[in-house]
Amino acid sequence: MDDIQQDVPAPLPTPVPTDPMPAPATEEPINSIDKANAAIDRMKEENDRTEALLERQEDLRASEILGGKSDAGQAPAPPKEETPKEYAAKVMAGDEE
């Protein structure tokens, strides 16, 4: 029986859990409410910025329409009809599509 007990390895020491990112000692810990308030402030700033950009786009589009630079009412150019001579020249050159 003593031989069996000698073959059993000793138990491994259990690792001590450590905090991967310890908080700096100089800063106060930030709680969830402060984080949420900061996120709300950032969202408000971005919404204001987006609103200002949208107003600029609306003004630009209105000035394009009133200035005649819009695409409204303009038809695309009709495709050019190919004559039989042009087609034959294309085929002979090897440019047939």
C-alpha atoms as a PDB file:
ATOM      1  CA  MET A   1       0.000   0.000   0.000  1.00  0.00           C
ATOM      2  CA  ASP A   2       2.844   2.414   0.635  1.00  0.00           C
ATOM      3  CA  ASP A   3       3.875   2.082  -3.030  1.00  0.00           C
ATOM      4  CA  ILE A   4       0.489   3.332  -4.226  1.00  0.00           C
ATOM      5  CA  GLN A   5       0.596   6.432  -2.055  1.00  0.00           C
ATOM      6  CA  GLN A   6       4.059   7.350  -3.329  1.00  0.00           C
ATOM      7  CA  ASP A   7       2.829   7.457  -6.985  1.00  0.00           C
ATOM      8  CA  VAL A   8       0.190  10.095  -6.276  1.00  0.00           C
ATOM      9  CA  PRO A   9       1.498  13.581  -7.198  1.00  0.00           C
ATOM     10  CA  ALA A  10       1.173  16.449  -4.770  1.00  0.00           C
ATOM     11  CA  PRO A  11      -1.793  18.791  -5.414  1.00  0.00           C
ATOM     12  CA  LEU A  12      -1.059  21.935  -7.423  1.00  0.00           C
ATOM     13  CA  PRO A  13      -1.329  25.278  -5.641  1.00  0.00           C
ATOM     14  CA  THR A  14      -4.491  27.198  -6.546  1.00  0.00           C
ATOM     15  CA  PRO A  15      -3.830  30.433  -8.420  1.00  0.00           C
ATOM     16  CA  VAL A  16      -4.716  33.646  -6.678  1.00  0.00           C
ATOM     17  CA  PRO A  17      -7.146  35.701  -8.825  1.00  0.00           C
ATOM     18  CA  THR A  18      -5.808  39.121  -9.687  1.00  0.00           C
ATOM     19  CA  ASP A  19      -7.586  42.117 -11.156  1.00  0.00           C
ATOM     20  CA  PRO A  20      -6.293  42.522 -14.749  1.00  0.00           C
ATOM     21  CA  MET A  21      -6.861  46.298 -14.756  1.00  0.00           C
ATOM     22  CA  PRO A  22      -6.594  47.687 -11.243  1.00  0.00           C
ATOM     23  CA  ALA A  23      -8.078  51.141 -10.831  1.00  0.00           C
ATOM     24  CA  PRO A  24      -5.525  53.922 -10.412  1.00  0.00           C
ATOM     25  CA  ALA A  25      -5.295  55.131  -6.854  1.00  0.00           C
ATOM     26  CA  THR A  26      -5.664  58.805  -7.834  1.00  0.00           C
ATOM     27  CA  GLU A  27      -9.007  58.501  -9.673  1.00  0.00           C
ATOM     28  CA  GLU A  28     -12.339  57.978  -8.018  1.00  0.00           C
ATOM     29  CA  PRO A  29     -14.267  54.941  -9.231  1.00  0.00           C
ATOM     30  CA  ILE A  30     -16.979  55.795 -11.760  1.00  0.00           C
ATOM     31  CA  ASN A  31     -20.352  54.261 -11.086  1.00  0.00           C
ATOM     32  CA  SER A  32     -22.942  53.150 -13.624  1.00  0.00           C
ATOM     33  CA  ILE A  33     -25.041  56.297 -13.333  1.00  0.00           C
ATOM     34  CA  ASP A  34     -22.071  58.535 -14.138  1.00  0.00           C
ATOM     35  CA  LYS A  35     -21.249  56.367 -17.172  1.00  0.00           C
ATOM     36  CA  ALA A  36     -24.856  56.541 -18.371  1.00  0.00           C
ATOM     37  CA  ASN A  37     -24.958  60.324 -17.927  1.00  0.00           C
ATOM     38  CA  ALA A  38     -21.720  60.690 -19.887  1.00  0.00           C
ATOM     39  CA  ALA A  39     -23.133  58.519 -22.671  1.00  0.00           C
ATOM     40  CA  ILE A  40     -26.310  60.600 -22.766  1.00  0.00           C
ATOM     41  CA  ASP A  41     -24.268  63.797 -23.056  1.00  0.00           C
ATOM     42  CA  ARG A  42     -22.256  62.340 -25.951  1.00  0.00           C
ATOM     43  CA  MET A  43     -25.450  61.222 -27.695  1.00  0.00           C
ATOM     44  CA  LYS A  44     -26.990  64.691 -27.310  1.00  0.00           C
ATOM     45  CA  GLU A  45     -23.878  66.294 -28.825  1.00  0.00           C
ATOM     46  CA  GLU A  46     -23.943  63.872 -31.771  1.00  0.00           C
ATOM     47  CA  ASN A  47     -27.673  64.443 -32.296  1.00  0.00           C
ATOM     48  CA  ASP A  48     -27.117  68.219 -32.377  1.00  0.00           C
ATOM     49  CA  ARG A  49     -24.284  67.764 -34.855  1.00  0.00           C
ATOM     50  CA  THR A  50     -26.396  65.464 -37.051  1.00  0.00           C
ATOM     51  CA  GLU A  51     -29.294  67.921 -36.962  1.00  0.00           C
ATOM     52  CA  ALA A  52     -27.004  70.764 -38.088  1.00  0.00           C
ATOM     53  CA  LEU A  53     -25.661  68.641 -40.947  1.00  0.00           C
ATOM     54  CA  LEU A  54     -29.186  67.698 -42.013  1.00  0.00           C
ATOM     55  CA  GLU A  55     -30.216  71.363 -42.104  1.00  0.00           C
ATOM     56  CA  ARG A  56     -27.198  72.146 -44.282  1.00  0.00           C
ATOM     57  CA  GLN A  57     -28.107  69.304 -46.664  1.00  0.00           C
ATOM     58  CA  GLU A  58     -31.712  70.506 -46.895  1.00  0.00           C
ATOM     59  CA  ASP A  59     -30.555  74.058 -47.676  1.00  0.00           C
ATOM     60  CA  LEU A  60     -28.140  72.776 -50.311  1.00  0.00           C
ATOM     61  CA  ARG A  61     -30.807  70.618 -51.962  1.00  0.00           C
ATOM     62  CA  ALA A  62     -33.297  73.514 -51.978  1.00  0.00           C
ATOM     63  CA  SER A  63     -30.762  75.842 -53.594  1.00  0.00           C
ATOM     64  CA  GLU A  64     -29.991  73.179 -56.240  1.00  0.00           C
ATOM     65  CA  ILE A  65     -33.669  72.787 -57.085  1.00  0.00           C
ATOM     66  CA  LEU A  66     -34.319  76.514 -57.213  1.00  0.00           C
ATOM     67  CA  GLY A  67     -31.080  77.169 -59.109  1.00  0.00           C
ATOM     68  CA  GLY A  68     -31.881  74.658 -61.853  1.00  0.00           C
ATOM     69  CA  LYS A  69     -29.039  72.301 -61.015  1.00  0.00           C
ATOM     70  CA  SER A  70     -31.194  69.326 -60.084  1.00  0.00           C
ATOM     71  CA  ASP A  71     -31.796  66.260 -62.231  1.00  0.00           C
ATOM     72  CA  ALA A  72     -35.573  66.648 -62.135  1.00  0.00           C
ATOM     73  CA  GLY A  73     -37.279  66.649 -65.537  1.00  0.00           C
ATOM     74  CA  GLN A  74     -34.144  65.741 -67.457  1.00  0.00           C
ATOM     75  CA  ALA A  75     -34.221  62.647 -69.628  1.00  0.00           C
ATOM     76  CA  PRO A  76     -31.083  60.606 -70.191  1.00  0.00           C
ATOM     77  CA  ALA A  77     -29.464  60.919 -73.601  1.00  0.00           C
ATOM     78  CA  PRO A  78     -30.878  58.356 -76.042  1.00  0.00           C
ATOM     79  CA  PRO A  79     -28.440  55.651 -77.140  1.00  0.00           C
ATOM     80  CA  LYS A  80     -26.761  56.244 -80.497  1.00  0.00           C
ATOM     81  CA  GLU A  81     -28.102  54.032 -83.266  1.00  0.00           C
ATOM     82  CA  GLU A  82     -25.399  52.136 -85.067  1.00  0.00           C
ATOM     83  CA  THR A  83     -25.437  52.040 -88.865  1.00  0.00           C
ATOM     84  CA  PRO A  84     -24.771  48.787 -90.723  1.00  0.00           C
ATOM     85  CA  LYS A  85     -21.423  50.170 -91.962  1.00  0.00           C
ATOM     86  CA  GLU A  86     -20.330  51.008 -88.406  1.00  0.00           C
ATOM     87  CA  TYR A  87     -21.397  47.556 -87.237  1.00  0.00           C
ATOM     88  CA  ALA A  88     -19.495  45.859 -90.059  1.00  0.00           C
ATOM     89  CA  ALA A  89     -16.368  47.889 -89.291  1.00  0.00           C
ATOM     90  CA  LYS A  90     -16.654  46.952 -85.634  1.00  0.00           C
ATOM     91  CA  VAL A  91     -17.026  43.250 -86.425  1.00  0.00           C
ATOM     92  CA  MET A  92     -14.091  43.293 -88.813  1.00  0.00           C
ATOM     93  CA  ALA A  93     -11.930  45.018 -86.188  1.00  0.00           C
ATOM     94  CA  GLY A  94     -12.874  42.368 -83.591  1.00  0.00           C
ATOM     95  CA  ASP A  95     -14.604  44.816 -81.266  1.00  0.00           C
ATOM     96  CA  GLU A  96     -17.977  43.078 -81.364  1.00  0.00           C
ATOM     97  CA  GLU A  97     -19.716  43.069 -78.012  1.00  0.00           C
END
